[in-house]
Amino acid sequence: PKSTPEFVASSMYQAFLKLLPEGFDEKAEKLGLTRYEAVILASIIQKETYDPAEAPLISSVFHNRLKFHMRLQADPTIIYGLYPEFDGNITKNDLRDRSNPYNTYKINGLPPTPICNPSLVALDAAVNPADTKYLYFVADKDRRHVFTTNYKDHTRQVYIHQKRRR
């Protein structure tokens, strides 16, 4: 009860550093990321999937997109930027909103900050992406993801797993 906010924040940060996966900073650097950028990426991976088996695949999509200078186009980043007004639905206006600094449909690269506190699984996946050529993914009815390497296949999977279900 007598701890200062600065002490609490510092203690939390020190605990975070102790729990980072082994070699996190070195692996991030090899991927062209700072520690902070890798944590931002891990936070997006965390919000995209809670399935540990999918985390490295999701990570590979984002790494591939960054490598090809594609936008991340991650819905959870938009949602984070809309809080507290987010009503549960992302609209076309939300996707077009350039004033949202977390709108990865409009900004290049990573958003300015993490969007959540990522798990160890997401942190590990951020610096250990699967070796794939995937550029897209869409959730199926079971909240698993279907991964594709090109936009044509992706739009077909979106139709199958999202639009046709409605």
Protein backbone atom coordinates (compact mmCIF):
# COMPACT_ATOMS: atom_id res chain seq x y z
CA PRO A 1 0.00 0.00 0.00
CA LYS A 2 2.92 2.38 0.59
CA SER A 3 4.53 1.72 -2.81
CA THR A 4 4.76 4.62 -5.23
CA PRO A 5 3.31 4.30 -8.73
CA GLU A 6 6.86 4.58 -10.08
CA PHE A 7 8.01 1.64 -7.92
CA VAL A 8 5.06 -0.50 -9.02
CA ALA A 9 5.62 0.31 -12.72
CA SER A 10 9.36 -0.33 -12.41
CA SER A 11 8.75 -3.65 -10.63
CA MET A 12 6.30 -4.73 -13.32
CA TYR A 13 8.77 -3.83 -16.06
CA GLN A 14 11.62 -5.71 -14.35
CA ALA A 15 9.38 -8.79 -13.98
CA PHE A 16 8.46 -8.50 -17.67
CA LEU A 17 12.13 -8.41 -18.67
CA LYS A 18 12.88 -11.51 -16.56
CA LEU A 19 10.06 -13.43 -18.24
CA LEU A 20 10.93 -12.58 -21.85
CA PRO A 21 11.66 -15.70 -23.90
CA GLU A 22 15.33 -16.59 -24.09
CA GLY A 23 17.22 -14.62 -26.72
CA PHE A 24 14.23 -12.37 -27.38
CA ASP A 25 16.21 -9.19 -28.10
CA GLU A 26 18.76 -10.96 -30.31
CA LYS A 27 16.05 -12.76 -32.30
CA ALA A 28 14.08 -9.53 -32.68
CA GLU A 29 17.19 -7.75 -33.96
CA LYS A 30 17.84 -10.52 -36.53
CA LEU A 31 14.31 -9.93 -37.78
CA GLY A 32 14.91 -6.18 -38.04
CA LEU A 33 12.88 -5.28 -34.97
CA THR A 34 13.64 -3.54 -31.72
CA ARG A 35 12.46 -5.11 -28.48
CA TYR A 36 9.57 -2.65 -28.36
CA GLU A 37 8.54 -3.36 -31.95
CA ALA A 38 8.62 -7.11 -31.24
CA VAL A 39 6.38 -6.56 -28.21
CA ILE A 40 3.97 -4.53 -30.36
CA LEU A 41 3.90 -7.36 -32.90
CA ALA A 42 3.39 -9.93 -30.12
CA SER A 43 0.41 -7.95 -28.87
CA ILE A 44 -1.22 -8.14 -32.30
CA ILE A 45 -0.49 -11.87 -32.55
CA GLN A 46 -2.05 -12.28 -29.08
CA LYS A 47 -5.28 -10.60 -30.18
CA GLU A 48 -5.46 -12.51 -33.47
CA THR A 49 -5.31 -15.98 -31.91
CA TYR A 50 -5.34 -17.64 -28.54
CA ASP A 51 -4.29 -20.98 -30.07
CA PRO A 52 -0.59 -21.55 -29.32
CA ALA A 53 -0.23 -23.73 -32.43
CA GLU A 54 -1.39 -20.87 -34.68
CA ALA A 55 0.72 -18.11 -33.15
CA PRO A 56 3.87 -18.81 -35.24
CA LEU A 57 1.74 -18.95 -38.40
CA ILE A 58 0.02 -15.65 -37.60
CA SER A 59 3.47 -14.22 -36.86
CA SER A 60 4.75 -15.42 -40.24
CA VAL A 61 1.95 -13.57 -42.03
CA PHE A 62 2.85 -10.30 -40.32
CA HIS A 63 6.58 -10.76 -40.86
CA ASN A 64 5.98 -11.53 -44.54
CA ARG A 65 3.76 -8.48 -44.89
CA LEU A 66 6.36 -6.24 -43.23
CA LYS A 67 9.06 -7.69 -45.49
CA PHE A 68 7.00 -6.88 -48.59
CA HIS A 69 6.03 -3.42 -47.27
CA MET A 70 2.38 -4.45 -47.11
CA ARG A 71 0.06 -3.06 -44.49
CA LEU A 72 -0.68 -5.42 -41.61
CA GLN A 73 -4.46 -4.98 -41.92
CA ALA A 74 -5.10 -6.41 -38.46
CA ASP A 75 -8.64 -5.89 -37.18
CA PRO A 76 -7.63 -5.93 -33.48
CA THR A 77 -5.51 -2.81 -34.01
CA ILE A 78 -8.50 -0.93 -35.38
CA ILE A 79 -10.62 -2.10 -32.45
CA TYR A 80 -7.99 -0.93 -29.98
CA GLY A 81 -7.94 2.51 -31.60
CA LEU A 82 -11.73 2.76 -31.42
CA TYR A 83 -12.08 2.10 -27.70
CA PRO A 84 -14.12 3.01 -25.74
CA GLU A 85 -16.59 3.72 -28.56
CA PHE A 86 -16.21 0.31 -30.25
CA ASP A 87 -19.64 -1.32 -30.51
CA GLY A 88 -18.57 -4.80 -31.63
CA ASN A 89 -18.62 -4.20 -35.39
CA ILE A 90 -15.88 -2.85 -37.63
CA THR A 91 -17.41 -0.73 -40.39
CA LYS A 92 -16.05 0.31 -43.77
CA ASN A 93 -15.69 3.81 -42.31
CA ASP A 94 -13.53 2.37 -39.54
CA LEU A 95 -11.31 0.69 -42.15
CA ARG A 96 -10.94 4.00 -44.01
CA ASP A 97 -10.33 6.15 -40.93
CA ARG A 98 -6.90 7.75 -41.26
CA SER A 99 -7.26 9.57 -37.93
CA ASN A 100 -6.99 6.28 -35.99
CA PRO A 101 -3.23 5.82 -35.40
CA TYR A 102 -3.89 2.10 -34.82
CA ASN A 103 -5.61 1.57 -38.18
CA THR A 104 -3.21 -0.85 -39.83
CA TYR A 105 -5.39 -0.78 -42.93
CA LYS A 106 -4.21 2.82 -43.45
CA ILE A 107 -0.86 3.12 -41.68
CA ASN A 108 2.31 1.43 -42.82
CA GLY A 109 4.17 -0.79 -40.42
CA LEU A 110 3.36 -1.33 -36.78
CA PRO A 111 0.97 0.76 -34.69
CA PRO A 112 2.53 3.16 -32.16
CA THR A 113 2.13 0.97 -29.06
CA PRO A 114 1.18 -2.57 -28.04
CA ILE A 115 -2.57 -3.23 -28.06
CA CYS A 116 -2.53 -5.65 -25.11
CA ASN A 117 -0.22 -7.43 -22.70
CA PRO A 118 1.00 -10.36 -24.83
CA SER A 119 1.41 -13.87 -23.49
CA LEU A 120 4.72 -15.73 -23.49
CA VAL A 121 3.42 -17.74 -26.45
CA ALA A 122 2.77 -14.56 -28.46
CA LEU A 123 6.13 -13.06 -27.46
CA ASP A 124 7.91 -16.24 -28.54
CA ALA A 125 5.97 -16.35 -31.82
CA ALA A 126 6.84 -12.72 -32.58
CA VAL A 127 10.55 -13.58 -32.70
CA ASN A 128 10.15 -17.17 -33.96
CA PRO A 129 7.73 -16.95 -36.89
CA ALA A 130 6.97 -20.09 -38.85
CA ASP A 131 8.78 -20.31 -42.18
CA THR A 132 5.88 -19.77 -44.60
CA LYS A 133 4.94 -17.73 -47.63
CA TYR A 134 1.53 -16.87 -46.15
CA LEU A 135 0.30 -13.32 -46.60
CA TYR A 136 -3.34 -13.67 -45.51
CA PHE A 137 -5.54 -15.47 -43.03
CA VAL A 138 -9.22 -15.57 -42.17
CA ALA A 139 -11.02 -17.11 -39.21
CA ASP A 140 -13.35 -20.03 -39.83
CA LYS A 141 -16.51 -20.84 -37.87
CA ASP A 142 -14.45 -22.56 -35.17
CA ARG A 143 -12.19 -19.51 -34.74
CA ARG A 144 -9.28 -21.36 -36.32
CA HIS A 145 -7.55 -19.71 -39.25
CA VAL A 146 -7.19 -20.55 -42.92
CA PHE A 147 -3.91 -19.26 -44.36
CA THR A 148 -3.26 -18.31 -47.99
CA THR A 149 -0.38 -16.97 -50.05
CA ASN A 150 -2.29 -14.77 -52.50
CA TYR A 151 -5.20 -12.37 -52.54
CA LYS A 152 -7.36 -14.40 -54.92
CA ASP A 153 -7.31 -17.43 -52.63
CA HIS A 154 -7.81 -15.19 -49.60
CA THR A 155 -10.96 -13.57 -51.02
CA ARG A 156 -12.33 -17.04 -51.79
CA GLN A 157 -11.66 -18.13 -48.20
CA VAL A 158 -13.25 -14.93 -46.83
CA TYR A 159 -16.36 -15.73 -48.86
CA ILE A 160 -16.44 -19.34 -47.63
CA HIS A 161 -15.74 -18.63 -43.98
CA GLN A 162 -17.19 -15.18 -43.38
CA LYS A 163 -19.62 -13.85 -45.97
CA ARG A 164 -21.39 -17.10 -46.81
CA ARG A 165 -22.01 -17.77 -43.11
CA ARG A 166 -24.00 -14.58 -42.64
